[in-house]
C-alpha atoms as a PDB file:
ATOM      1  CA  UNK A   1      18.201 -12.666  10.174  1.00  0.00           C
ATOM      2  CA  UNK A   2      18.871  -8.873  10.013  1.00  0.00           C
ATOM      3  CA  UNK A   3      17.915  -5.936  12.237  1.00  0.00           C
ATOM      4  CA  UNK A   4      15.761  -2.956  10.814  1.00  0.00           C
ATOM      5  CA  UNK A   5      18.321  -0.603  12.636  1.00  0.00           C
ATOM      6  CA  UNK A   6      21.002  -1.878  10.324  1.00  0.00           C
ATOM      7  CA  UNK A   7      19.049  -0.702   7.299  1.00  0.00           C
ATOM      8  CA  UNK A   8      19.444   2.652   5.425  1.00  0.00           C
ATOM      9  CA  UNK A   9      16.113   3.352   3.538  1.00  0.00           C
ATOM     10  CA  UNK A  10      16.505   5.681   0.566  1.00  0.00           C
ATOM     11  CA  UNK A  11      14.587   7.451  -2.210  1.00  0.00           C
ATOM     12  CA  UNK A  12      16.841   8.758  -5.008  1.00  0.00           C
ATOM     13  CA  UNK A  13      15.140  11.649  -6.980  1.00  0.00           C
ATOM     14  CA  UNK A  14      16.097  14.242  -9.555  1.00  0.00           C
ATOM     15  CA  UNK A  15      14.600  17.018 -11.606  1.00  0.00           C
ATOM     16  CA  UNK A  16      16.527  16.591 -14.691  1.00  0.00           C
ATOM     17  CA  UNK A  17      14.522  13.604 -16.214  1.00  0.00           C
ATOM     18  CA  UNK A  18      14.970  13.736 -20.021  1.00  0.00           C
ATOM     19  CA  UNK A  19      11.996  11.770 -21.107  1.00  0.00           C
ATOM     20  CA  UNK A  20       9.683  13.290 -18.532  1.00  0.00           C
ATOM     21  CA  UNK A  21      10.954  16.722 -17.561  1.00  0.00           C
ATOM     22  CA  UNK A  22      10.136  17.930 -13.950  1.00  0.00           C
ATOM     23  CA  UNK A  23       8.214  14.797 -13.424  1.00  0.00           C
ATOM     24  CA  UNK A  24       8.969  14.520  -9.633  1.00  0.00           C
ATOM     25  CA  UNK A  25       7.397  18.190  -9.172  1.00  0.00           C
ATOM     26  CA  UNK A  26       5.167  18.366 -11.742  1.00  0.00           C
ATOM     27  CA  UNK A  27       1.859  19.209 -10.191  1.00  0.00           C
ATOM     28  CA  UNK A  28      -1.587  16.972 -10.444  1.00  0.00           C
ATOM     29  CA  UNK A  29      -4.492  16.899  -8.283  1.00  0.00           C
ATOM     30  CA  UNK A  30      -2.846  19.224  -5.561  1.00  0.00           C
ATOM     31  CA  UNK A  31       0.303  17.127  -5.333  1.00  0.00           C
ATOM     32  CA  UNK A  32       3.231  15.562  -7.054  1.00  0.00           C
ATOM     33  CA  UNK A  33       5.173  12.310  -7.456  1.00  0.00           C
ATOM     34  CA  UNK A  34       7.766  13.258  -4.915  1.00  0.00           C
ATOM     35  CA  UNK A  35       5.245  14.357  -2.213  1.00  0.00           C
ATOM     36  CA  UNK A  36       3.241  11.114  -2.653  1.00  0.00           C
ATOM     37  CA  UNK A  37       6.333   9.132  -2.208  1.00  0.00           C
ATOM     38  CA  UNK A  38       7.195  10.841   1.131  1.00  0.00           C
ATOM     39  CA  UNK A  39       3.789  10.624   2.323  1.00  0.00           C
ATOM     40  CA  UNK A  40       3.784   6.856   1.623  1.00  0.00           C
ATOM     41  CA  UNK A  41       7.027   6.448   3.591  1.00  0.00           C
ATOM     42  CA  UNK A  42       5.421   7.992   6.626  1.00  0.00           C
ATOM     43  CA  UNK A  43       2.787   5.168   6.337  1.00  0.00           C
ATOM     44  CA  UNK A  44       5.400   2.351   6.670  1.00  0.00           C
ATOM     45  CA  UNK A  45       7.369   0.737   9.588  1.00  0.00           C
ATOM     46  CA  UNK A  46      10.449   2.627   8.279  1.00  0.00           C
ATOM     47  CA  UNK A  47      12.103   4.406  11.380  1.00  0.00           C
ATOM     48  CA  UNK A  48      12.188   8.212  10.269  1.00  0.00           C
ATOM     49  CA  UNK A  49      15.850   8.304  11.418  1.00  0.00           C
ATOM     50  CA  UNK A  50      16.759   5.681   9.050  1.00  0.00           C
ATOM     51  CA  UNK A  51      15.339   7.378   6.026  1.00  0.00           C
ATOM     52  CA  UNK A  52      17.165   9.739   3.700  1.00  0.00           C
ATOM     53  CA  UNK A  53      15.926  11.192   0.285  1.00  0.00           C
ATOM     54  CA  UNK A  54      18.893  11.567  -1.849  1.00  0.00           C
ATOM     55  CA  UNK A  55      18.336  14.747  -3.909  1.00  0.00           C
ATOM     56  CA  UNK A  56      20.494  17.486  -5.653  1.00  0.00           C
ATOM     57  CA  UNK A  57      18.007  20.178  -6.305  1.00  0.00           C
ATOM     58  CA  UNK A  58      17.143  22.721  -3.492  1.00  0.00           C
ATOM     59  CA  UNK A  59      13.384  22.262  -4.390  1.00  0.00           C
ATOM     60  CA  UNK A  60      13.408  18.476  -3.437  1.00  0.00           C
ATOM     61  CA  UNK A  61      15.561  19.109  -0.503  1.00  0.00           C
ATOM     62  CA  UNK A  62      13.107  21.634   1.013  1.00  0.00           C
ATOM     63  CA  UNK A  63      10.096  19.318   0.365  1.00  0.00           C
ATOM     64  CA  UNK A  64      12.042  16.707   2.124  1.00  0.00           C
ATOM     65  CA  UNK A  65      12.500  18.836   5.135  1.00  0.00           C
ATOM     66  CA  UNK A  66       8.969  20.005   5.022  1.00  0.00           C
ATOM     67  CA  UNK A  67       7.971  16.459   5.334  1.00  0.00           C
ATOM     68  CA  UNK A  68       9.959  15.912   8.454  1.00  0.00           C
ATOM     69  CA  UNK A  69      12.761  13.946   6.757  1.00  0.00           C
ATOM     70  CA  UNK A  70      16.556  14.456   6.423  1.00  0.00           C
ATOM     71  CA  UNK A  71      17.659  15.058   2.734  1.00  0.00           C
ATOM     72  CA  UNK A  72      20.996  13.719   1.652  1.00  0.00           C
ATOM     73  CA  UNK A  73      22.570  16.206  -0.913  1.00  0.00           C
ATOM     74  CA  UNK A  74      23.903  14.276  -3.884  1.00  0.00           C
ATOM     75  CA  UNK A  75      26.601  15.759  -6.073  1.00  0.00           C
ATOM     76  CA  UNK A  76      25.980  16.981  -9.504  1.00  0.00           C
ATOM     77  CA  UNK A  77      27.864  13.867 -10.719  1.00  0.00           C
ATOM     78  CA  UNK A  78      25.604  11.601  -8.967  1.00  0.00           C
ATOM     79  CA  UNK A  79      22.536  13.463 -10.303  1.00  0.00           C
ATOM     80  CA  UNK A  80      23.795  12.711 -13.782  1.00  0.00           C
ATOM     81  CA  UNK A  81      25.554   9.359 -13.628  1.00  0.00           C
ATOM     82  CA  UNK A  82      23.739   6.262 -15.084  1.00  0.00           C
ATOM     83  CA  UNK A  83      26.609   3.861 -15.486  1.00  0.00           C
ATOM     84  CA  UNK A  84      28.759   3.525 -12.186  1.00  0.00           C
ATOM     85  CA  UNK A  85      26.956   2.413  -9.383  1.00  0.00           C
ATOM     86  CA  UNK A  86      29.400   3.831  -6.792  1.00  0.00           C
ATOM     87  CA  UNK A  87      28.858   7.371  -8.326  1.00  0.00           C
ATOM     88  CA  UNK A  88      25.059   7.108  -8.746  1.00  0.00           C
ATOM     89  CA  UNK A  89      24.715   5.665  -5.117  1.00  0.00           C
ATOM     90  CA  UNK A  90      27.369   7.823  -3.634  1.00  0.00           C
ATOM     91  CA  UNK A  91      25.728   7.679  -0.329  1.00  0.00           C
ATOM     92  CA  UNK A  92      26.718   3.933   0.045  1.00  0.00           C
ATOM     93  CA  UNK A  93      29.730   4.758   2.316  1.00  0.00           C
ATOM     94  CA  UNK A  94      28.359   7.893   4.165  1.00  0.00           C
ATOM     95  CA  UNK A  95      26.245   6.165   6.768  1.00  0.00           C
ATOM     96  CA  UNK A  96      28.760   3.822   8.822  1.00  0.00           C
ATOM     97  CA  UNK A  97      25.975   2.857  11.201  1.00  0.00           C
ATOM     98  CA  UNK A  98      24.040   0.786   8.405  1.00  0.00           C
ATOM     99  CA  UNK A  99      25.094  -2.340   6.988  1.00  0.00           C
ATOM    100  CA  UNK A 100      22.169  -2.694   4.329  1.00  0.00           C
ATOM    101  CA  UNK A 101      20.151  -0.455   2.153  1.00  0.00           C
ATOM    102  CA  UNK A 102      16.638  -0.604   0.768  1.00  0.00           C
ATOM    103  CA  UNK A 103      16.043   1.724  -2.094  1.00  0.00           C
ATOM    104  CA  UNK A 104      12.318   2.561  -2.822  1.00  0.00           C
ATOM    105  CA  UNK A 105      11.576   4.016  -6.354  1.00  0.00           C
ATOM    106  CA  UNK A 106       9.510   7.281  -6.184  1.00  0.00           C
ATOM    107  CA  UNK A 107       8.273   6.882  -9.660  1.00  0.00           C
ATOM    108  CA  UNK A 108       5.784   3.882  -8.820  1.00  0.00           C
ATOM    109  CA  UNK A 109       2.748   5.793  -7.983  1.00  0.00           C
ATOM    110  CA  UNK A 110       0.551   2.877  -7.085  1.00  0.00           C
ATOM    111  CA  UNK A 111       3.138   1.050  -4.963  1.00  0.00           C
ATOM    112  CA  UNK A 112       1.511   0.416  -1.548  1.00  0.00           C
ATOM    113  CA  UNK A 113       2.926   1.154   1.921  1.00  0.00           C
ATOM    114  CA  UNK A 114       1.825  -2.318   2.892  1.00  0.00           C
ATOM    115  CA  UNK A 115       4.085  -3.907  -0.131  1.00  0.00           C
ATOM    116  CA  UNK A 116       7.048  -1.924   1.241  1.00  0.00           C
ATOM    117  CA  UNK A 117       6.498  -3.246   4.623  1.00  0.00           C
ATOM    118  CA  UNK A 118       6.274  -6.744   3.327  1.00  0.00           C
ATOM    119  CA  UNK A 119       9.246  -6.158   1.318  1.00  0.00           C
ATOM    120  CA  UNK A 120      10.926  -5.158   4.660  1.00  0.00           C
ATOM    121  CA  UNK A 121       9.866  -8.019   6.552  1.00  0.00           C
ATOM    122  CA  UNK A 122      10.922 -10.461   3.934  1.00  0.00           C
ATOM    123  CA  UNK A 123      14.358  -8.924   3.755  1.00  0.00           C
ATOM    124  CA  UNK A 124      14.864  -9.002   7.427  1.00  0.00           C
ATOM    125  CA  UNK A 125      13.991 -12.598   7.613  1.00  0.00           C
ATOM    126  CA  UNK A 126      15.926 -13.636   4.614  1.00  0.00           C
ATOM    127  CA  UNK A 127      19.363 -15.316   4.592  1.00  0.00           C
ATOM    128  CA  UNK A 128      20.237 -13.588   1.270  1.00  0.00           C
ATOM    129  CA  UNK A 129      22.143 -10.170   1.004  1.00  0.00           C
ATOM    130  CA  UNK A 130      20.016  -9.036  -1.936  1.00  0.00           C
ATOM    131  CA  UNK A 131      16.320  -8.815  -2.694  1.00  0.00           C
ATOM    132  CA  UNK A 132      14.682  -7.559  -5.730  1.00  0.00           C
ATOM    133  CA  UNK A 133      10.974  -6.957  -6.764  1.00  0.00           C
ATOM    134  CA  UNK A 134       9.809  -8.627  -9.912  1.00  0.00           C
ATOM    135  CA  UNK A 135       6.524  -9.320 -11.634  1.00  0.00           C
ATOM    136  CA  UNK A 136       5.389 -12.817 -12.259  1.00  0.00           C
ATOM    137  CA  UNK A 137       4.333 -13.351 -15.908  1.00  0.00           C
ATOM    138  CA  UNK A 138       3.017 -16.376 -17.775  1.00  0.00           C
ATOM    139  CA  UNK A 139       3.808 -15.311 -21.413  1.00  0.00           C
ATOM    140  CA  UNK A 140       5.915 -16.504 -24.399  1.00  0.00           C
ATOM    141  CA  UNK A 141       9.274 -14.835 -24.865  1.00  0.00           C
ATOM    142  CA  UNK A 142      11.949 -14.819 -27.671  1.00  0.00           C
ATOM    143  CA  UNK A 143      15.509 -13.664 -27.360  1.00  0.00           C
ATOM    144  CA  UNK A 144      17.350 -11.253 -29.818  1.00  0.00           C
ATOM    145  CA  UNK A 145      18.039 -14.021 -32.227  1.00  0.00           C
ATOM    146  CA  UNK A 146      14.215 -14.757 -32.430  1.00  0.00           C
ATOM    147  CA  UNK A 147      14.666 -18.081 -30.436  1.00  0.00           C
ATOM    148  CA  UNK A 148      11.904 -19.100 -28.180  1.00  0.00           C
ATOM    149  CA  UNK A 149      13.174 -18.973 -24.666  1.00  0.00           C
ATOM    150  CA  UNK A 150       9.915 -19.803 -22.751  1.00  0.00           C
ATOM    151  CA  UNK A 151       9.522 -23.453 -22.193  1.00  0.00           C
ATOM    152  CA  UNK A 152       6.917 -24.757 -24.451  1.00  0.00           C
ATOM    153  CA  UNK A 153       4.253 -26.590 -22.376  1.00  0.00           C
ATOM    154  CA  UNK A 154       4.464 -30.353 -22.702  1.00  0.00           C
ATOM    155  CA  UNK A 155       1.500 -32.038 -24.364  1.00  0.00           C
ATOM    156  CA  UNK A 156       0.047 -28.717 -25.932  1.00  0.00           C
ATOM    157  CA  UNK A 157       0.337 -27.735 -29.521  1.00  0.00           C
ATOM    158  CA  UNK A 158      -1.498 -24.484 -28.912  1.00  0.00           C
ATOM    159  CA  UNK A 159       0.070 -20.924 -27.649  1.00  0.00           C
ATOM    160  CA  UNK A 160      -1.985 -20.527 -24.534  1.00  0.00           C
ATOM    161  CA  UNK A 161      -0.354 -18.609 -21.760  1.00  0.00           C
ATOM    162  CA  UNK A 162      -2.075 -20.508 -18.927  1.00  0.00           C
ATOM    163  CA  UNK A 163      -0.145 -23.568 -19.671  1.00  0.00           C
ATOM    164  CA  UNK A 164       3.294 -21.870 -19.986  1.00  0.00           C
ATOM    165  CA  UNK A 165       5.742 -21.826 -17.125  1.00  0.00           C
ATOM    166  CA  UNK A 166       6.098 -18.395 -15.157  1.00  0.00           C
ATOM    167  CA  UNK A 167       8.917 -15.952 -15.897  1.00  0.00           C
ATOM    168  CA  UNK A 168       9.891 -12.906 -13.863  1.00  0.00           C
ATOM    169  CA  UNK A 169      10.118  -9.237 -15.124  1.00  0.00           C
ATOM    170  CA  UNK A 170      12.022  -6.744 -13.050  1.00  0.00           C
ATOM    171  CA  UNK A 171       9.657  -4.405 -11.497  1.00  0.00           C
ATOM    172  CA  UNK A 172      12.285  -1.780 -10.481  1.00  0.00           C
ATOM    173  CA  UNK A 173      10.310  -0.498  -7.524  1.00  0.00           C
ATOM    174  CA  UNK A 174      12.138  -2.156  -4.476  1.00  0.00           C
ATOM    175  CA  UNK A 175      15.787  -3.155  -4.171  1.00  0.00           C
ATOM    176  CA  UNK A 176      17.796  -4.241  -1.172  1.00  0.00           C
ATOM    177  CA  UNK A 177      21.405  -4.962  -0.781  1.00  0.00           C
ATOM    178  CA  UNK A 178      24.633  -4.724   1.078  1.00  0.00           C
ATOM    179  CA  UNK A 179      26.429  -1.397   1.411  1.00  0.00           C
ATOM    180  CA  UNK A 180      29.790  -2.660   1.086  1.00  0.00           C
ATOM    181  CA  UNK A 181      28.924  -4.377  -2.207  1.00  0.00           C
ATOM    182  CA  UNK A 182      27.961  -1.093  -3.755  1.00  0.00           C
ATOM    183  CA  UNK A 183      31.713  -0.013  -2.719  1.00  0.00           C
ATOM    184  CA  UNK A 184      32.866  -3.073  -5.021  1.00  0.00           C
ATOM    185  CA  UNK A 185      30.685  -1.825  -7.922  1.00  0.00           C
ATOM    186  CA  UNK A 186      27.958  -4.350  -7.272  1.00  0.00           C
ATOM    187  CA  UNK A 187      24.414  -3.978  -6.405  1.00  0.00           C
ATOM    188  CA  UNK A 188      22.107  -6.537  -4.685  1.00  0.00           C
ATOM    189  CA  UNK A 189      24.339  -9.542  -5.292  1.00  0.00           C
ATOM    190  CA  UNK A 190      27.451 -11.064  -6.548  1.00  0.00           C
ATOM    191  CA  UNK A 191      28.093 -11.534 -10.329  1.00  0.00           C
ATOM    192  CA  UNK A 192      27.405 -13.854 -12.049  1.00  0.00           C
ATOM    193  CA  UNK A 193      24.018 -13.807 -10.841  1.00  0.00           C
ATOM    194  CA  UNK A 194      22.343 -17.098  -9.976  1.00  0.00           C
ATOM    195  CA  UNK A 195      19.239 -18.524  -8.039  1.00  0.00           C
ATOM    196  CA  UNK A 196      18.441 -16.308  -5.033  1.00  0.00           C
ATOM    197  CA  UNK A 197      21.402 -13.947  -5.720  1.00  0.00           C
ATOM    198  CA  UNK A 198      19.587 -11.752  -5.327  1.00  0.00           C
ATOM    199  CA  UNK A 199      16.461 -13.300  -4.100  1.00  0.00           C
ATOM    200  CA  UNK A 200      13.315 -12.256  -5.925  1.00  0.00           C
ATOM    201  CA  UNK A 201      10.172 -10.684  -4.408  1.00  0.00           C
ATOM    202  CA  UNK A 202       6.897 -10.649  -6.213  1.00  0.00           C
ATOM    203  CA  UNK A 203       4.794  -7.556  -6.524  1.00  0.00           C
ATOM    204  CA  UNK A 204       1.530  -6.877  -8.134  1.00  0.00           C
ATOM    205  CA  UNK A 205       1.813  -5.771 -11.892  1.00  0.00           C
ATOM    206  CA  UNK A 206      -0.336  -2.685 -11.029  1.00  0.00           C
ATOM    207  CA  UNK A 207       1.699  -1.434  -8.347  1.00  0.00           C
ATOM    208  CA  UNK A 208       4.883  -1.838 -10.454  1.00  0.00           C
ATOM    209  CA  UNK A 209       3.609   0.649 -12.961  1.00  0.00           C
ATOM    210  CA  UNK A 210       6.562   2.944 -13.724  1.00  0.00           C
ATOM    211  CA  UNK A 211       6.824   6.465 -15.025  1.00  0.00           C
ATOM    212  CA  UNK A 212       9.431   6.618 -17.811  1.00  0.00           C
ATOM    213  CA  UNK A 213       7.382   8.404 -20.665  1.00  0.00           C
ATOM    214  CA  UNK A 214       5.120  11.242 -21.026  1.00  0.00           C
ATOM    215  CA  UNK A 215       2.003   9.078 -21.955  1.00  0.00           C
ATOM    216  CA  UNK A 216       2.494   7.161 -18.681  1.00  0.00           C
ATOM    217  CA  UNK A 217       2.665  10.475 -16.627  1.00  0.00           C
ATOM    218  CA  UNK A 218      -0.549  11.544 -18.253  1.00  0.00           C
ATOM    219  CA  UNK A 219      -2.361   8.331 -17.974  1.00  0.00           C
ATOM    220  CA  UNK A 220      -1.332   7.193 -14.521  1.00  0.00           C
ATOM    221  CA  UNK A 221      -1.605  10.549 -12.738  1.00  0.00           C
ATOM    222  CA  UNK A 222      -5.144  10.861 -14.248  1.00  0.00           C
ATOM    223  CA  UNK A 223      -6.172   7.580 -12.910  1.00  0.00           C
ATOM    224  CA  UNK A 224      -4.552   8.261  -9.511  1.00  0.00           C
ATOM    225  CA  UNK A 225      -6.481  11.407  -9.353  1.00  0.00           C
ATOM    226  CA  UNK A 226      -9.895   9.609 -10.034  1.00  0.00           C
ATOM    227  CA  UNK A 227      -8.932   6.975  -7.428  1.00  0.00           C
ATOM    228  CA  UNK A 228      -8.023   9.709  -4.695  1.00  0.00           C
ATOM    229  CA  UNK A 229     -10.509  12.594  -5.736  1.00  0.00           C
END
């Protein structure tokens, strides 16, 4: 069992997204993705002193402070890095008071504070060092060689998804792991990844909606505005 005081909670944000420029601060309905994420953190059980927003731009740093949180000023290299986890998550060895880290993706507009709290509780009680959010699917999948990788249900000669066994898709909204593993170039578990390495945490498919493309930003923020208007 872990202690919440051992956990660093972090949001990592940047303004140099190529697919959706300035998506963190692009205004909609009187707010933006970054401020919604910070407001969400305030509604969770996360101790404020355990939370950091890892940001490079002054604009993101100032908003972090406006909301009462401490920014971690990431380097320009970290802001651009997409391959080396030690560079991308360079904060891994900057906080010796913490043993673990939970990273929350600020791009998941519909992720609920209650789900974040459930993830935290699950991780604290878990014997595993890694925990990762996933979506449960009942669907048929093929690999790159066009071979069916979903197990065809016994006794059925019809493609009906209610009979197929579940598979789990990465949700990319909540991650947890040991900080010293990042120092070894690993994240959430020890390769080769096996059962419960990392452990999987199911989230609702709606909460896992991510904004990676322009059409997603337009559609999801419009729906958020209607829900919260």
